[in-house]
Protein backbone atom coordinates (compact mmCIF):
# COMPACT_ATOMS: atom_id res chain seq x y z
CA MET A 1 6.25 -1.86 0.74
CA ARG A 2 8.47 -2.25 -2.33
CA VAL A 3 12.19 -2.90 -1.84
CA LEU A 4 15.06 -3.37 -4.27
CA LEU A 5 17.52 -6.17 -3.48
CA VAL A 6 21.01 -6.04 -5.03
CA GLU A 7 22.70 -9.38 -4.34
CA ASP A 8 24.84 -11.49 -6.68
CA ASP A 9 24.68 -14.74 -4.69
CA LEU A 10 21.91 -16.58 -6.53
CA MET A 11 21.04 -18.98 -3.73
CA LEU A 12 20.95 -16.28 -1.06
CA GLY A 13 19.11 -13.84 -3.33
CA ASP A 14 16.46 -16.38 -4.25
CA GLY A 15 15.93 -17.25 -0.59
CA LEU A 16 15.72 -13.58 0.39
CA VAL A 17 13.18 -12.81 -2.31
CA ASP A 18 10.95 -15.67 -1.18
CA ALA A 19 11.31 -14.79 2.50
CA LEU A 20 10.68 -11.07 2.04
CA ARG A 21 7.69 -11.65 -0.21
CA GLY A 22 6.38 -14.04 2.42
CA SER A 23 6.72 -11.20 4.93
CA GLY A 24 4.55 -8.94 2.77
CA TYR A 25 7.13 -7.02 0.75
CA THR A 26 7.11 -6.43 -2.98
CA VAL A 27 10.68 -7.35 -3.96
CA ASP A 28 12.64 -6.69 -7.14
CA TRP A 29 16.07 -8.29 -7.43
CA LEU A 30 19.24 -7.34 -9.32
CA THR A 31 22.40 -9.46 -9.39
CA ARG A 32 24.66 -6.63 -10.55
CA GLY A 33 25.21 -3.17 -9.16
CA LEU A 34 25.25 -0.81 -12.12
CA PRO A 35 21.65 -1.52 -13.26
CA THR A 36 20.61 -0.14 -9.88
CA LEU A 37 21.29 3.37 -11.17
CA ASP A 38 18.72 3.01 -13.95
CA ALA A 39 16.21 1.23 -11.71
CA LEU A 40 16.24 4.04 -9.16
CA LYS A 41 16.15 6.69 -11.85
CA ASN A 42 12.96 5.31 -13.39
CA GLU A 43 11.06 3.76 -10.47
CA GLU A 44 10.41 4.25 -6.76
CA PHE A 45 11.29 1.94 -3.89
CA ALA A 46 10.81 2.25 -0.15
CA ALA A 47 14.29 0.87 0.58
CA LEU A 48 17.41 -0.65 -0.98
CA ILE A 49 19.12 -3.78 0.37
CA LEU A 50 22.68 -3.65 -0.93
CA ASP A 51 25.45 -6.24 -0.95
CA LEU A 52 29.00 -4.87 -1.12
CA ASN A 53 30.72 -7.69 -3.03
CA LEU A 54 29.19 -7.24 -6.47
CA PRO A 55 30.71 -8.47 -9.77
CA ASP A 56 30.66 -5.15 -11.65
CA ILE A 57 31.16 -2.48 -8.99
CA ASP A 58 31.96 -2.38 -5.31
CA GLY A 59 28.77 -1.78 -3.35
CA GLN A 60 30.37 1.04 -1.41
CA GLN A 61 31.24 2.87 -4.62
CA LEU A 62 27.73 2.28 -5.92
CA LEU A 63 26.28 3.78 -2.75
CA LEU A 64 28.46 6.88 -3.12
CA ARG A 65 27.27 7.31 -6.70
CA LEU A 66 23.65 6.95 -5.64
CA ARG A 67 24.00 9.58 -2.94
CA LYS A 68 25.83 11.97 -5.26
CA ALA A 69 22.99 11.55 -7.77
CA GLY A 70 20.56 12.69 -5.09
CA HIS A 71 18.88 9.38 -4.24
CA ARG A 72 17.64 9.61 -0.67
CA LEU A 73 15.93 6.27 -0.17
CA PRO A 74 16.95 4.25 2.92
CA VAL A 75 19.84 1.87 2.25
CA LEU A 76 20.57 -1.26 4.27
CA ILE A 77 23.97 -2.79 3.57
CA LEU A 78 23.80 -6.58 3.82
CA THR A 79 27.29 -8.05 3.57
CA ALA A 80 29.80 -10.56 4.86
CA ARG A 81 32.30 -7.75 5.56
CA ASP A 82 32.28 -7.62 9.35
CA ASP A 83 35.38 -5.52 9.97
CA LEU A 84 34.78 -2.40 12.07
CA ASN A 85 36.36 -0.17 9.42
CA ASP A 86 34.00 -1.56 6.78
CA ARG A 87 30.98 -0.87 8.96
CA VAL A 88 32.11 2.67 9.70
CA ARG A 89 32.93 3.34 6.04
CA GLY A 90 29.54 2.02 4.96
CA LEU A 91 27.59 4.15 7.41
CA ASP A 92 29.67 7.25 6.78
CA GLY A 93 29.35 6.64 3.05
CA GLY A 94 25.60 6.98 3.06
CA ALA A 95 24.11 3.75 4.37
CA ASP A 96 21.32 4.01 6.92
CA ASP A 97 22.02 0.61 8.47
CA TYR A 98 24.57 -2.20 8.23
CA LEU A 99 23.79 -5.89 8.79
CA VAL A 100 26.43 -8.62 8.63
CA LYS A 101 25.83 -12.05 7.12
CA PRO A 102 24.74 -14.52 8.42
CA PHE A 103 21.67 -12.82 9.84
CA ALA A 104 18.19 -13.62 11.13
CA LEU A 105 15.31 -12.80 8.82
CA GLN A 106 13.34 -11.46 11.78
CA GLU A 107 16.08 -8.90 12.42
CA LEU A 108 16.26 -7.93 8.75
CA ASN A 109 12.50 -7.34 8.71
CA ALA A 110 12.68 -5.23 11.86
CA ARG A 111 15.52 -3.13 10.49
CA LEU A 112 13.69 -2.57 7.20
CA ARG A 113 10.57 -1.45 9.02
CA ALA A 114 12.59 0.93 11.18
CA LEU A 115 14.41 2.40 8.15
CA VAL A 116 11.20 3.08 6.25
CA ARG A 117 9.47 4.42 9.36
CA ARG A 118 12.26 6.92 10.00
CA SER A 119 12.39 7.97 6.34
CA GLN A 120 8.68 8.80 6.51
CA GLY A 121 8.97 10.67 9.79
CA GLN A 122 7.02 8.11 11.78
CA ALA A 123 8.00 7.62 15.40
CA GLN A 124 5.56 4.82 16.19
CA ALA A 125 5.38 1.30 14.77
CA ARG A 126 1.61 1.62 14.37
CA VAL A 127 0.21 4.13 11.90
CA GLN A 128 -3.01 6.00 12.62
CA HIS A 129 -5.14 7.63 9.94
CA GLY A 130 -8.36 8.85 11.48
CA ASP A 131 -10.22 5.75 12.67
CA ILE A 132 -7.92 3.44 10.69
CA GLU A 133 -4.89 1.86 12.35
CA LEU A 134 -2.21 -0.08 10.48
CA CYS A 135 0.38 -2.36 12.04
CA PRO A 136 3.20 -2.85 9.48
CA ASP A 137 4.99 -5.60 11.42
CA SER A 138 1.93 -7.88 11.38
CA HIS A 139 0.18 -6.43 8.30
CA GLN A 140 -3.01 -6.04 10.29
CA ALA A 141 -5.56 -3.25 9.98
CA SER A 142 -8.38 -2.08 12.20
CA TYR A 143 -11.21 0.41 11.85
CA ARG A 144 -12.73 2.09 14.90
CA GLY A 145 -11.00 -0.47 17.06
CA GLU A 146 -12.32 -3.49 15.17
CA PRO A 147 -10.02 -5.72 13.06
CA VAL A 148 -10.56 -5.62 9.31
CA LYS A 149 -9.60 -8.67 7.28
CA LEU A 150 -7.58 -7.70 4.21
CA THR A 151 -5.86 -9.69 1.49
CA PRO A 152 -2.08 -9.13 1.20
CA HIS A 153 -2.52 -6.88 -1.83
CA GLU A 154 -5.33 -4.92 -0.19
CA TYR A 155 -3.14 -4.29 2.83
CA LYS A 156 -0.15 -3.24 0.72
CA LEU A 157 -2.27 -0.86 -1.35
CA LEU A 158 -3.84 0.71 1.74
CA GLN A 159 -0.45 1.05 3.39
CA GLU A 160 1.06 2.81 0.38
CA LEU A 161 -1.81 5.29 0.17
CA VAL A 162 -2.01 5.96 3.91
CA PHE A 163 1.75 6.28 4.37
CA ASN A 164 1.73 8.81 1.52
CA ALA A 165 -1.53 10.55 2.40
CA GLY A 166 -2.02 13.67 0.28
CA ARG A 167 -0.11 12.27 -2.70
CA VAL A 168 -1.83 11.19 -5.92
CA PHE A 169 -0.70 7.85 -7.37
CA SER A 170 -1.37 6.78 -10.93
CA LYS A 171 -2.67 3.28 -11.55
CA GLU A 172 0.72 2.32 -13.00
CA GLN A 173 2.57 3.53 -9.90
CA LEU A 174 0.31 1.51 -7.65
CA GLU A 175 0.79 -1.57 -9.83
CA GLN A 176 4.56 -1.21 -9.47
CA ARG A 177 4.28 -1.07 -5.69
CA LEU A 178 1.99 -4.06 -5.52
CA TYR A 179 3.49 -6.38 -8.12
CA GLY A 180 7.03 -5.28 -9.05
CA TRP A 181 8.77 -6.54 -12.17
CA GLU A 182 8.06 -10.26 -12.10
CA GLN A 183 4.40 -10.44 -11.16
CA THR A 184 1.72 -9.60 -13.71
CA ALA A 185 -1.40 -7.83 -12.54
CA ALA A 186 -4.80 -8.22 -14.11
CA GLY A 187 -5.83 -5.10 -16.01
CA ASN A 188 -8.35 -4.02 -13.39
CA ALA A 189 -6.59 -5.37 -10.29
CA VAL A 190 -5.96 -1.96 -8.72
CA GLU A 191 -9.56 -0.88 -9.25
CA VAL A 192 -10.81 -4.11 -7.69
CA HIS A 193 -8.60 -3.69 -4.61
CA ILE A 194 -9.75 -0.08 -4.21
CA HIS A 195 -13.39 -1.13 -4.50
CA HIS A 196 -12.89 -3.70 -1.73
CA LEU A 197 -11.09 -1.22 0.53
CA ARG A 198 -13.86 1.34 0.14
CA ARG A 199 -16.41 -1.32 1.05
CA LYS A 200 -14.44 -2.61 4.05
CA PHE A 201 -13.76 0.87 5.46
CA TYR A 202 -15.83 3.73 4.00
CA PRO A 203 -16.61 4.96 0.46
CA ASP A 204 -14.64 8.23 0.63
CA LEU A 205 -11.42 6.65 1.93
CA ILE A 206 -9.77 6.55 -1.51
CA ARG A 207 -10.67 9.33 -3.91
CA ASN A 208 -10.37 9.00 -7.67
CA ILE A 209 -9.01 12.08 -9.44
CA ARG A 210 -10.18 11.56 -12.99
CA GLY A 211 -7.36 11.18 -15.47
CA VAL A 212 -4.70 11.38 -12.76
CA GLY A 213 -5.02 8.63 -10.18
CA TYR A 214 -5.96 7.83 -6.60
CA ILE A 215 -5.39 9.57 -3.29
CA VAL A 216 -6.04 9.15 0.42
CA GLU A 217 -6.49 12.69 1.68
CA ARG A 218 -4.15 14.00 4.36
CA LEU A 219 -6.02 14.59 7.61
CA ALA A 220 -5.76 17.86 9.49
CA SER A 221 -3.54 17.52 12.55
């Protein structure tokens, strides 16, 4: 799951990036608000974590601009503003959730999972795709009731494809979701992960559409 963090406090931002990556997220971090507009125009994220006290634009104004531009990704405001009016204004202004600093990382993780789950129309914490079951809170996978040991990148890749079953992803799009801006992937990393997933589950799980990308087929309901 790839999230965009917009936070100008360098110490807090650095700690959040490390903690969220340790929890299995792919995290990209901006310290100013206005570059968020370009980032969301050119790339896809599962959620946005947004501070309100930014040096170049108030986070609430940035959120209004994002919503007016048609961006529908889940937004979690993470701020020191704890006044009731601020919370109401943030939620009414387009935020999906509002968390006041200081906060517990466990709660932040739970709120992020809930936001993404709702945005994808999922009512349950566990995701079922045929005989495959994914548990996003623990990053565990099972096949026909038996646990399957996956590397962090294998799990993230499988989650992206299963959560978006029926959608074709290019290799570049999958690299963005797995590695973000700061991490460099080996040229064949995506292909290697896909090879391992096919071997650990079944060969037809991930289909290659030549010249386009990769897809996990949507199952008939």
